[in-house]
């Protein structure tokens, strides 16, 4: 997870935690910087490819290093919408 730009206020965190589980609570947590986006993933996908995915501050995937189950490796650059804009491979 990414870290907020400023220190977290424990009393503010407690107040948000005490709120009912509604969209307003989620919005309050994001506004306070408590809703950090995952910035990196390392693991396998549904096709058994190993991958490292790096995301921007908004949580959008931007760079993917991938090795398919058959050993073919590639580096993929992703656009704002998640579509591959450029691929670098050994081929």
PDB file of N, CA and C in Angstrom:
ATOM      1  N   UNK A   1       0.834  -1.176   0.000  1.00  0.00           N
ATOM      2  CA  UNK A   1       0.000   0.000   0.000  1.00  0.00           C
ATOM      3  C   UNK A   1       0.878   1.238   0.000  1.00  0.00           C
ATOM      4  N   UNK A   2       0.378   2.255  -0.612  1.00  0.00           N
ATOM      5  CA  UNK A   2       1.066   3.531  -0.606  1.00  0.00           C
ATOM      6  C   UNK A   2       0.856   4.197   0.745  1.00  0.00           C
ATOM      7  N   UNK A   3       1.768   5.078   1.096  1.00  0.00           N
ATOM      8  CA  UNK A   3       1.651   5.809   2.353  1.00  0.00           C
ATOM      9  C   UNK A   3       1.106   7.198   2.080  1.00  0.00           C
ATOM     10  N   UNK A   4       0.339   7.768   3.041  1.00  0.00           N
ATOM     11  CA  UNK A   4      -0.145   9.134   2.852  1.00  0.00           C
ATOM     12  C   UNK A   4       1.009  10.129   2.907  1.00  0.00           C
ATOM     13  N   UNK A   5       0.769  11.335   2.385  1.00  0.00           N
ATOM     14  CA  UNK A   5       1.798  12.373   2.361  1.00  0.00           C
ATOM     15  C   UNK A   5       2.048  13.008   3.726  1.00  0.00           C
ATOM     16  N   UNK A   6       1.076  12.901   4.629  1.00  0.00           N
ATOM     17  CA  UNK A   6       1.242  13.469   5.963  1.00  0.00           C
ATOM     18  C   UNK A   6       0.976  12.394   7.011  1.00  0.00           C
ATOM     19  N   UNK A   7       1.428  12.624   8.255  1.00  0.00           N
ATOM     20  CA  UNK A   7       1.174  11.639   9.309  1.00  0.00           C
ATOM     21  C   UNK A   7      -0.328  11.472   9.544  1.00  0.00           C
ATOM     22  N   UNK A   8      -0.740  10.260   9.876  1.00  0.00           N
ATOM     23  CA  UNK A   8      -2.145  10.004  10.167  1.00  0.00           C
ATOM     24  C   UNK A   8      -2.478  10.476  11.573  1.00  0.00           C
ATOM     25  N   UNK A   9      -3.648  11.087  11.716  1.00  0.00           N
ATOM     26  CA  UNK A   9      -4.142  11.560  13.005  1.00  0.00           C
ATOM     27  C   UNK A   9      -4.961  10.432  13.638  1.00  0.00           C
ATOM     28  N   UNK A  10      -4.483   9.834  14.742  1.00  0.00           N
ATOM     29  CA  UNK A  10      -5.199   8.708  15.356  1.00  0.00           C
ATOM     30  C   UNK A  10      -6.626   9.052  15.775  1.00  0.00           C
ATOM     31  N   UNK A  11      -6.869  10.276  16.247  1.00  0.00           N
ATOM     32  CA  UNK A  11      -8.230  10.634  16.663  1.00  0.00           C
ATOM     33  C   UNK A  11      -9.156  10.721  15.442  1.00  0.00           C
ATOM     34  N   UNK A  12      -8.629  11.215  14.332  1.00  0.00           N
ATOM     35  CA  UNK A  12      -9.429  11.273  13.105  1.00  0.00           C
ATOM     36  C   UNK A  12      -9.708   9.867  12.586  1.00  0.00           C
ATOM     37  N   UNK A  13      -8.714   8.992  12.668  1.00  0.00           N
ATOM     38  CA  UNK A  13      -8.909   7.599  12.254  1.00  0.00           C
ATOM     39  C   UNK A  13      -9.981   6.930  13.103  1.00  0.00           C
ATOM     40  N   UNK A  14      -9.966   7.173  14.407  1.00  0.00           N
ATOM     41  CA  UNK A  14     -10.968   6.581  15.306  1.00  0.00           C
ATOM     42  C   UNK A  14     -12.360   7.103  14.974  1.00  0.00           C
ATOM     43  N   UNK A  15     -12.469   8.399  14.658  1.00  0.00           N
ATOM     44  CA  UNK A  15     -13.770   8.976  14.315  1.00  0.00           C
ATOM     45  C   UNK A  15     -14.312   8.369  13.023  1.00  0.00           C
ATOM     46  N   UNK A  16     -13.447   8.175  12.045  1.00  0.00           N
ATOM     47  CA  UNK A  16     -13.882   7.570  10.782  1.00  0.00           C
ATOM     48  C   UNK A  16     -14.263   6.112  11.003  1.00  0.00           C
ATOM     49  N   UNK A  17     -13.493   5.402  11.808  1.00  0.00           N
ATOM     50  CA  UNK A  17     -13.789   3.990  12.104  1.00  0.00           C
ATOM     51  C   UNK A  17     -15.139   3.844  12.801  1.00  0.00           C
ATOM     52  N   UNK A  18     -15.538   4.844  13.592  1.00  0.00           N
ATOM     53  CA  UNK A  18     -16.804   4.789  14.326  1.00  0.00           C
ATOM     54  C   UNK A  18     -18.010   5.101  13.436  1.00  0.00           C
ATOM     55  N   UNK A  19     -17.780   5.623  12.245  1.00  0.00           N
ATOM     56  CA  UNK A  19     -18.880   5.949  11.335  1.00  0.00           C
ATOM     57  C   UNK A  19     -19.538   4.671  10.818  1.00  0.00           C
ATOM     58  N   UNK A  20     -20.845   4.755  10.465  1.00  0.00           N
ATOM     59  CA  UNK A  20     -21.497   3.591   9.843  1.00  0.00           C
ATOM     60  C   UNK A  20     -20.798   3.241   8.524  1.00  0.00           C
ATOM     61  N   UNK A  21     -20.837   1.974   8.162  1.00  0.00           N
ATOM     62  CA  UNK A  21     -20.177   1.506   6.938  1.00  0.00           C
ATOM     63  C   UNK A  21     -21.011   1.921   5.721  1.00  0.00           C
ATOM     64  N   UNK A  22     -20.808   3.161   5.288  1.00  0.00           N
ATOM     65  CA  UNK A  22     -21.545   3.742   4.165  1.00  0.00           C
ATOM     66  C   UNK A  22     -20.543   4.352   3.186  1.00  0.00           C
ATOM     67  N   UNK A  23     -21.016   4.756   2.014  1.00  0.00           N
ATOM     68  CA  UNK A  23     -20.103   5.441   1.091  1.00  0.00           C
ATOM     69  C   UNK A  23     -19.478   6.701   1.706  1.00  0.00           C
ATOM     70  N   UNK A  24     -20.208   7.381   2.599  1.00  0.00           N
ATOM     71  CA  UNK A  24     -19.665   8.582   3.246  1.00  0.00           C
ATOM     72  C   UNK A  24     -18.440   8.238   4.086  1.00  0.00           C
ATOM     73  N   UNK A  25     -18.460   7.077   4.727  1.00  0.00           N
ATOM     74  CA  UNK A  25     -17.303   6.647   5.524  1.00  0.00           C
ATOM     75  C   UNK A  25     -16.094   6.420   4.611  1.00  0.00           C
ATOM     76  N   UNK A  26     -16.315   5.768   3.500  1.00  0.00           N
ATOM     77  CA  UNK A  26     -15.226   5.530   2.554  1.00  0.00           C
ATOM     78  C   UNK A  26     -14.662   6.828   2.013  1.00  0.00           C
ATOM     79  N   UNK A  27     -15.554   7.776   1.709  1.00  0.00           N
ATOM     80  CA  UNK A  27     -15.102   9.076   1.205  1.00  0.00           C
ATOM     81  C   UNK A  27     -14.312   9.829   2.270  1.00  0.00           C
ATOM     82  N   UNK A  28     -14.766   9.772   3.523  1.00  0.00           N
ATOM     83  CA  UNK A  28     -14.041  10.429   4.617  1.00  0.00           C
ATOM     84  C   UNK A  28     -12.654   9.809   4.791  1.00  0.00           C
ATOM     85  N   UNK A  29     -12.563   8.492   4.664  1.00  0.00           N
ATOM     86  CA  UNK A  29     -11.271   7.808   4.800  1.00  0.00           C
ATOM     87  C   UNK A  29     -10.329   8.210   3.667  1.00  0.00           C
ATOM     88  N   UNK A  30     -10.845   8.275   2.441  1.00  0.00           N
ATOM     89  CA  UNK A  30     -10.014   8.686   1.305  1.00  0.00           C
ATOM     90  C   UNK A  30      -9.562  10.136   1.452  1.00  0.00           C
ATOM     91  N   UNK A  31     -10.478  11.008   1.892  1.00  0.00           N
ATOM     92  CA  UNK A  31     -10.137  12.423   2.063  1.00  0.00           C
ATOM     93  C   UNK A  31      -9.062  12.609   3.134  1.00  0.00           C
ATOM     94  N   UNK A  32      -9.067  11.732   4.139  1.00  0.00           N
ATOM     95  CA  UNK A  32      -8.070  11.805   5.213  1.00  0.00           C
ATOM     96  C   UNK A  32      -6.758  11.136   4.819  1.00  0.00           C
ATOM     97  N   UNK A  33      -6.726  10.509   3.655  1.00  0.00           N
ATOM     98  CA  UNK A  33      -5.508   9.837   3.211  1.00  0.00           C
ATOM     99  C   UNK A  33      -5.375   8.420   3.733  1.00  0.00           C
ATOM    100  N   UNK A  34      -6.474   7.855   4.258  1.00  0.00           N
ATOM    101  CA  UNK A  34      -6.428   6.501   4.810  1.00  0.00           C
ATOM    102  C   UNK A  34      -6.738   5.442   3.765  1.00  0.00           C
ATOM    103  N   UNK A  35      -7.241   5.826   2.627  1.00  0.00           N
ATOM    104  CA  UNK A  35      -7.605   4.865   1.587  1.00  0.00           C
ATOM    105  C   UNK A  35      -6.504   4.708   0.559  1.00  0.00           C
ATOM    106  N   UNK A  36      -5.342   4.333   0.989  1.00  0.00           N
ATOM    107  CA  UNK A  36      -4.190   4.234   0.088  1.00  0.00           C
ATOM    108  C   UNK A  36      -4.427   3.176  -0.985  1.00  0.00           C
ATOM    109  N   UNK A  37      -3.893   3.435  -2.153  1.00  0.00           N
ATOM    110  CA  UNK A  37      -3.995   2.501  -3.270  1.00  0.00           C
ATOM    111  C   UNK A  37      -2.825   1.534  -3.242  1.00  0.00           C
ATOM    112  N   UNK A  38      -3.078   0.268  -3.594  1.00  0.00           N
ATOM    113  CA  UNK A  38      -1.944  -0.647  -3.729  1.00  0.00           C
ATOM    114  C   UNK A  38      -1.058  -0.171  -4.875  1.00  0.00           C
ATOM    115  N   UNK A  39       0.233  -0.090  -4.659  1.00  0.00           N
ATOM    116  CA  UNK A  39       1.144   0.446  -5.673  1.00  0.00           C
ATOM    117  C   UNK A  39       1.919  -0.638  -6.407  1.00  0.00           C
ATOM    118  N   UNK A  40       1.961  -1.861  -5.866  1.00  0.00           N
ATOM    119  CA  UNK A  40       2.716  -2.923  -6.526  1.00  0.00           C
ATOM    120  C   UNK A  40       2.046  -4.268  -6.265  1.00  0.00           C
ATOM    121  N   UNK A  41       2.144  -5.154  -7.249  1.00  0.00           N
ATOM    122  CA  UNK A  41       1.656  -6.524  -7.115  1.00  0.00           C
ATOM    123  C   UNK A  41       2.726  -7.444  -7.671  1.00  0.00           C
ATOM    124  N   UNK A  42       3.015  -8.500  -6.955  1.00  0.00           N
ATOM    125  CA  UNK A  42       3.942  -9.525  -7.419  1.00  0.00           C
ATOM    126  C   UNK A  42       3.258 -10.861  -7.205  1.00  0.00           C
ATOM    127  N   UNK A  43       3.030 -11.585  -8.282  1.00  0.00           N
ATOM    128  CA  UNK A  43       2.350 -12.871  -8.157  1.00  0.00           C
ATOM    129  C   UNK A  43       2.049 -13.455  -9.523  1.00  0.00           C
ATOM    130  N   UNK A  44       1.004 -14.300  -9.558  1.00  0.00           N
ATOM    131  CA  UNK A  44       0.599 -14.957 -10.803  1.00  0.00           C
ATOM    132  C   UNK A  44      -0.802 -14.515 -11.183  1.00  0.00           C
ATOM    133  N   UNK A  45      -1.078 -14.545 -12.490  1.00  0.00           N
ATOM    134  CA  UNK A  45      -2.418 -14.236 -12.959  1.00  0.00           C
ATOM    135  C   UNK A  45      -3.172 -15.531 -13.253  1.00  0.00           C
ATOM    136  N   UNK A  46      -4.363 -15.408 -13.838  1.00  0.00           N
ATOM    137  CA  UNK A  46      -5.204 -16.574 -14.107  1.00  0.00           C
ATOM    138  C   UNK A  46      -4.637 -17.488 -15.186  1.00  0.00           C
ATOM    139  N   UNK A  47      -3.687 -16.989 -15.970  1.00  0.00           N
ATOM    140  CA  UNK A  47      -3.063 -17.790 -17.028  1.00  0.00           C
ATOM    141  C   UNK A  47      -1.743 -18.397 -16.566  1.00  0.00           C
ATOM    142  N   UNK A  48      -1.475 -18.320 -15.259  1.00  0.00           N
ATOM    143  CA  UNK A  48      -0.268 -18.869 -14.640  1.00  0.00           C
ATOM    144  C   UNK A  48       0.997 -18.138 -15.086  1.00  0.00           C
ATOM    145  N   UNK A  49       0.850 -16.872 -15.496  1.00  0.00           N
ATOM    146  CA  UNK A  49       2.008 -16.033 -15.809  1.00  0.00           C
ATOM    147  C   UNK A  49       2.458 -15.341 -14.529  1.00  0.00           C
ATOM    148  N   UNK A  50       3.765 -15.280 -14.320  1.00  0.00           N
ATOM    149  CA  UNK A  50       4.309 -14.505 -13.202  1.00  0.00           C
ATOM    150  C   UNK A  50       4.363 -13.052 -13.641  1.00  0.00           C
ATOM    151  N   UNK A  51       4.034 -12.138 -12.721  1.00  0.00           N
ATOM    152  CA  UNK A  51       4.078 -10.741 -13.108  1.00  0.00           C
ATOM    153  C   UNK A  51       4.351  -9.817 -11.931  1.00  0.00           C
ATOM    154  N   UNK A  52       4.978  -8.697 -12.263  1.00  0.00           N
ATOM    155  CA  UNK A  52       5.167  -7.591 -11.336  1.00  0.00           C
ATOM    156  C   UNK A  52       4.438  -6.415 -11.965  1.00  0.00           C
ATOM    157  N   UNK A  53       3.450  -5.872 -11.247  1.00  0.00           N
ATOM    158  CA  UNK A  53       2.663  -4.752 -11.755  1.00  0.00           C
ATOM    159  C   UNK A  53       2.904  -3.553 -10.852  1.00  0.00           C
ATOM    160  N   UNK A  54       3.300  -2.422 -11.452  1.00  0.00           N
ATOM    161  CA  UNK A  54       3.490  -1.175 -10.717  1.00  0.00           C
ATOM    162  C   UNK A  54       2.366  -0.224 -11.097  1.00  0.00           C
ATOM    163  N   UNK A  55       1.793   0.446 -10.077  1.00  0.00           N
ATOM    164  CA  UNK A  55       0.648   1.337 -10.279  1.00  0.00           C
ATOM    165  C   UNK A  55       1.013   2.774  -9.949  1.00  0.00           C
ATOM    166  N   UNK A  56       0.250   3.706 -10.509  1.00  0.00           N
ATOM    167  CA  UNK A  56       0.471   5.114 -10.200  1.00  0.00           C
ATOM    168  C   UNK A  56      -0.247   5.480  -8.896  1.00  0.00           C
ATOM    169  N   UNK A  57      -0.205   6.752  -8.516  1.00  0.00           N
ATOM    170  CA  UNK A  57      -0.787   7.197  -7.248  1.00  0.00           C
ATOM    171  C   UNK A  57      -2.299   7.003  -7.197  1.00  0.00           C
ATOM    172  N   UNK A  58      -2.955   6.918  -8.351  1.00  0.00           N
ATOM    173  CA  UNK A  58      -4.400   6.682  -8.388  1.00  0.00           C
ATOM    174  C   UNK A  58      -4.749   5.193  -8.421  1.00  0.00           C
ATOM    175  N   UNK A  59      -3.753   4.336  -8.375  1.00  0.00           N
ATOM    176  CA  UNK A  59      -3.986   2.899  -8.360  1.00  0.00           C
ATOM    177  C   UNK A  59      -4.118   2.269  -9.733  1.00  0.00           C
ATOM    178  N   UNK A  60      -3.853   3.038 -10.795  1.00  0.00           N
ATOM    179  CA  UNK A  60      -3.956   2.490 -12.148  1.00  0.00           C
ATOM    180  C   UNK A  60      -2.671   1.758 -12.511  1.00  0.00           C
ATOM    181  N   UNK A  61      -2.765   0.529 -13.056  1.00  0.00           N
ATOM    182  CA  UNK A  61      -1.548  -0.173 -13.491  1.00  0.00           C
ATOM    183  C   UNK A  61      -0.877   0.595 -14.621  1.00  0.00           C
ATOM    184  N   UNK A  62       0.445   0.784 -14.527  1.00  0.00           N
ATOM    185  CA  UNK A  62       1.183   1.543 -15.537  1.00  0.00           C
ATOM    186  C   UNK A  62       2.326   0.750 -16.159  1.00  0.00           C
ATOM    187  N   UNK A  63       2.883  -0.221 -15.426  1.00  0.00           N
ATOM    188  CA  UNK A  63       4.008  -1.010 -15.928  1.00  0.00           C
ATOM    189  C   UNK A  63       3.831  -2.450 -15.463  1.00  0.00           C
ATOM    190  N   UNK A  64       3.998  -3.396 -16.402  1.00  0.00           N
ATOM    191  CA  UNK A  64       3.852  -4.814 -16.051  1.00  0.00           C
ATOM    192  C   UNK A  64       5.034  -5.579 -16.624  1.00  0.00           C
ATOM    193  N   UNK A  65       5.761  -6.273 -15.758  1.00  0.00           N
ATOM    194  CA  UNK A  65       6.814  -7.198 -16.173  1.00  0.00           C
ATOM    195  C   UNK A  65       6.197  -8.582 -16.061  1.00  0.00           C
ATOM    196  N   UNK A  66       6.194  -9.330 -17.156  1.00  0.00           N
ATOM    197  CA  UNK A  66       5.459 -10.585 -17.196  1.00  0.00           C
ATOM    198  C   UNK A  66       6.308 -11.695 -17.789  1.00  0.00           C
ATOM    199  N   UNK A  67       6.200 -12.884 -17.192  1.00  0.00           N
ATOM    200  CA  UNK A  67       6.801 -14.093 -17.758  1.00  0.00           C
ATOM    201  C   UNK A  67       5.686 -15.125 -17.853  1.00  0.00           C
ATOM    202  N   UNK A  68       5.346 -15.508 -19.079  1.00  0.00           N
ATOM    203  CA  UNK A  68       4.285 -16.481 -19.292  1.00  0.00           C
ATOM    204  C   UNK A  68       4.723 -17.861 -18.818  1.00  0.00           C
ATOM    205  N   UNK A  69       3.758 -18.748 -18.651  1.00  0.00           N
ATOM    206  CA  UNK A  69       4.042 -20.105 -18.184  1.00  0.00           C
ATOM    207  C   UNK A  69       5.016 -20.828 -19.111  1.00  0.00           C
ATOM    208  N   UNK A  70       5.018 -20.474 -20.409  1.00  0.00           N
ATOM    209  CA  UNK A  70       5.932 -21.125 -21.359  1.00  0.00           C
ATOM    210  C   UNK A  70       7.308 -20.461 -21.397  1.00  0.00           C
ATOM    211  N   UNK A  71       7.545 -19.454 -20.534  1.00  0.00           N
ATOM    212  CA  UNK A  71       8.854 -18.824 -20.427  1.00  0.00           C
ATOM    213  C   UNK A  71       9.034 -17.551 -21.230  1.00  0.00           C
ATOM    214  N   UNK A  72       8.046 -17.147 -22.013  1.00  0.00           N
ATOM    215  CA  UNK A  72       8.144 -15.925 -22.808  1.00  0.00           C
ATOM    216  C   UNK A  72       7.990 -14.715 -21.883  1.00  0.00           C
ATOM    217  N   UNK A  73       8.972 -13.809 -21.930  1.00  0.00           N
ATOM    218  CA  UNK A  73       8.969 -12.635 -21.053  1.00  0.00           C
ATOM    219  C   UNK A  73       8.646 -11.371 -21.839  1.00  0.00           C
ATOM    220  N   UNK A  74       8.032 -10.394 -21.165  1.00  0.00           N
ATOM    221  CA  UNK A  74       7.721  -9.112 -21.798  1.00  0.00           C
ATOM    222  C   UNK A  74       7.612  -8.030 -20.738  1.00  0.00           C
ATOM    223  N   UNK A  75       7.888  -6.807 -21.168  1.00  0.00           N
ATOM    224  CA  UNK A  75       7.652  -5.616 -20.362  1.00  0.00           C
ATOM    225  C   UNK A  75       6.550  -4.848 -21.077  1.00  0.00           C
ATOM    226  N   UNK A  76       5.472  -4.533 -20.367  1.00  0.00           N
ATOM    227  CA  UNK A  76       4.335  -3.842 -20.972  1.00  0.00           C
ATOM    228  C   UNK A  76       4.129  -2.487 -20.294  1.00  0.00           C
ATOM    229  N   UNK A  77       4.002  -1.443 -21.101  1.00  0.00           N
ATOM    230  CA  UNK A  77       3.673  -0.108 -20.618  1.00  0.00           C
ATOM    231  C   UNK A  77       2.175   0.079 -20.831  1.00  0.00           C
ATOM    232  N   UNK A  78       1.486   0.560 -19.815  1.00  0.00           N
ATOM    233  CA  UNK A  78       0.032   0.668 -19.868  1.00  0.00           C
ATOM    234  C   UNK A  78      -0.405   2.127 -19.838  1.00  0.00           C
ATOM    235  N   UNK A  79      -1.454   2.442 -20.590  1.00  0.00           N
ATOM    236  CA  UNK A  79      -2.004   3.790 -20.616  1.00  0.00           C
ATOM    237  C   UNK A  79      -2.955   4.027 -19.455  1.00  0.00           C
ATOM    238  N   UNK A  80      -3.561   5.211 -19.432  1.00  0.00           N
ATOM    239  CA  UNK A  80      -4.487   5.581 -18.360  1.00  0.00           C
ATOM    240  C   UNK A  80      -5.647   4.606 -18.219  1.00  0.00           C
ATOM    241  N   UNK A  81      -6.082   4.017 -19.331  1.00  0.00           N
ATOM    242  CA  UNK A  81      -7.218   3.097 -19.306  1.00  0.00           C
ATOM    243  C   UNK A  81      -6.805   1.648 -19.059  1.00  0.00           C
ATOM    244  N   UNK A  82      -5.525   1.392 -18.847  1.00  0.00           N
ATOM    245  CA  UNK A  82      -5.045   0.042 -18.575  1.00  0.00           C
ATOM    246  C   UNK A  82      -4.659  -0.749 -19.813  1.00  0.00           C
ATOM    247  N   UNK A  83      -4.873  -0.174 -20.993  1.00  0.00           N
ATOM    248  CA  UNK A  83      -4.518  -0.868 -22.234  1.00  0.00           C
ATOM    249  C   UNK A  83      -3.010  -0.780 -22.462  1.00  0.00           C
ATOM    250  N   UNK A  84      -2.458  -1.838 -23.039  1.00  0.00           N
ATOM    251  CA  UNK A  84      -1.028  -1.871 -23.341  1.00  0.00           C
ATOM    252  C   UNK A  84      -0.743  -0.871 -24.458  1.00  0.00           C
ATOM    253  N   UNK A  85       0.199   0.053 -24.209  1.00  0.00           N
ATOM    254  CA  UNK A  85       0.579   1.047 -25.220  1.00  0.00           C
ATOM    255  C   UNK A  85       1.896   0.687 -25.893  1.00  0.00           C
ATOM    256  N   UNK A  86       2.721  -0.098 -25.215  1.00  0.00           N
ATOM    257  CA  UNK A  86       3.999  -0.529 -25.789  1.00  0.00           C
ATOM    258  C   UNK A  86       4.432  -1.810 -25.100  1.00  0.00           C
ATOM    259  N   UNK A  87       5.017  -2.719 -25.866  1.00  0.00           N
ATOM    260  CA  UNK A  87       5.542  -3.970 -25.328  1.00  0.00           C
ATOM    261  C   UNK A  87       6.988  -4.129 -25.761  1.00  0.00           C
ATOM    262  N   UNK A  88       7.832  -4.520 -24.819  1.00  0.00           N
ATOM    263  CA  UNK A  88       9.227  -4.833 -25.107  1.00  0.00           C
ATOM    264  C   UNK A  88       9.401  -6.310 -24.800  1.00  0.00           C
ATOM    265  N   UNK A  89       9.871  -7.067 -25.796  1.00  0.00           N
ATOM    266  CA  UNK A  89      10.085  -8.501 -25.593  1.00  0.00           C
ATOM    267  C   UNK A  89      11.373  -8.919 -26.283  1.00  0.00           C
ATOM    268  N   UNK A  90      11.759 -10.156 -26.051  1.00  0.00           N
ATOM    269  CA  UNK A  90      12.985 -10.677 -26.655  1.00  0.00           C
ATOM    270  C   UNK A  90      12.803 -10.920 -28.144  1.00  0.00           C
ATOM    271  N   UNK A  91      11.582 -11.021 -28.602  1.00  0.00           N
ATOM    272  CA  UNK A  91      11.305 -11.313 -30.021  1.00  0.00           C
ATOM    273  C   UNK A  91      11.352 -10.078 -30.861  1.00  0.00           C
TER     274      UNK A  91
END
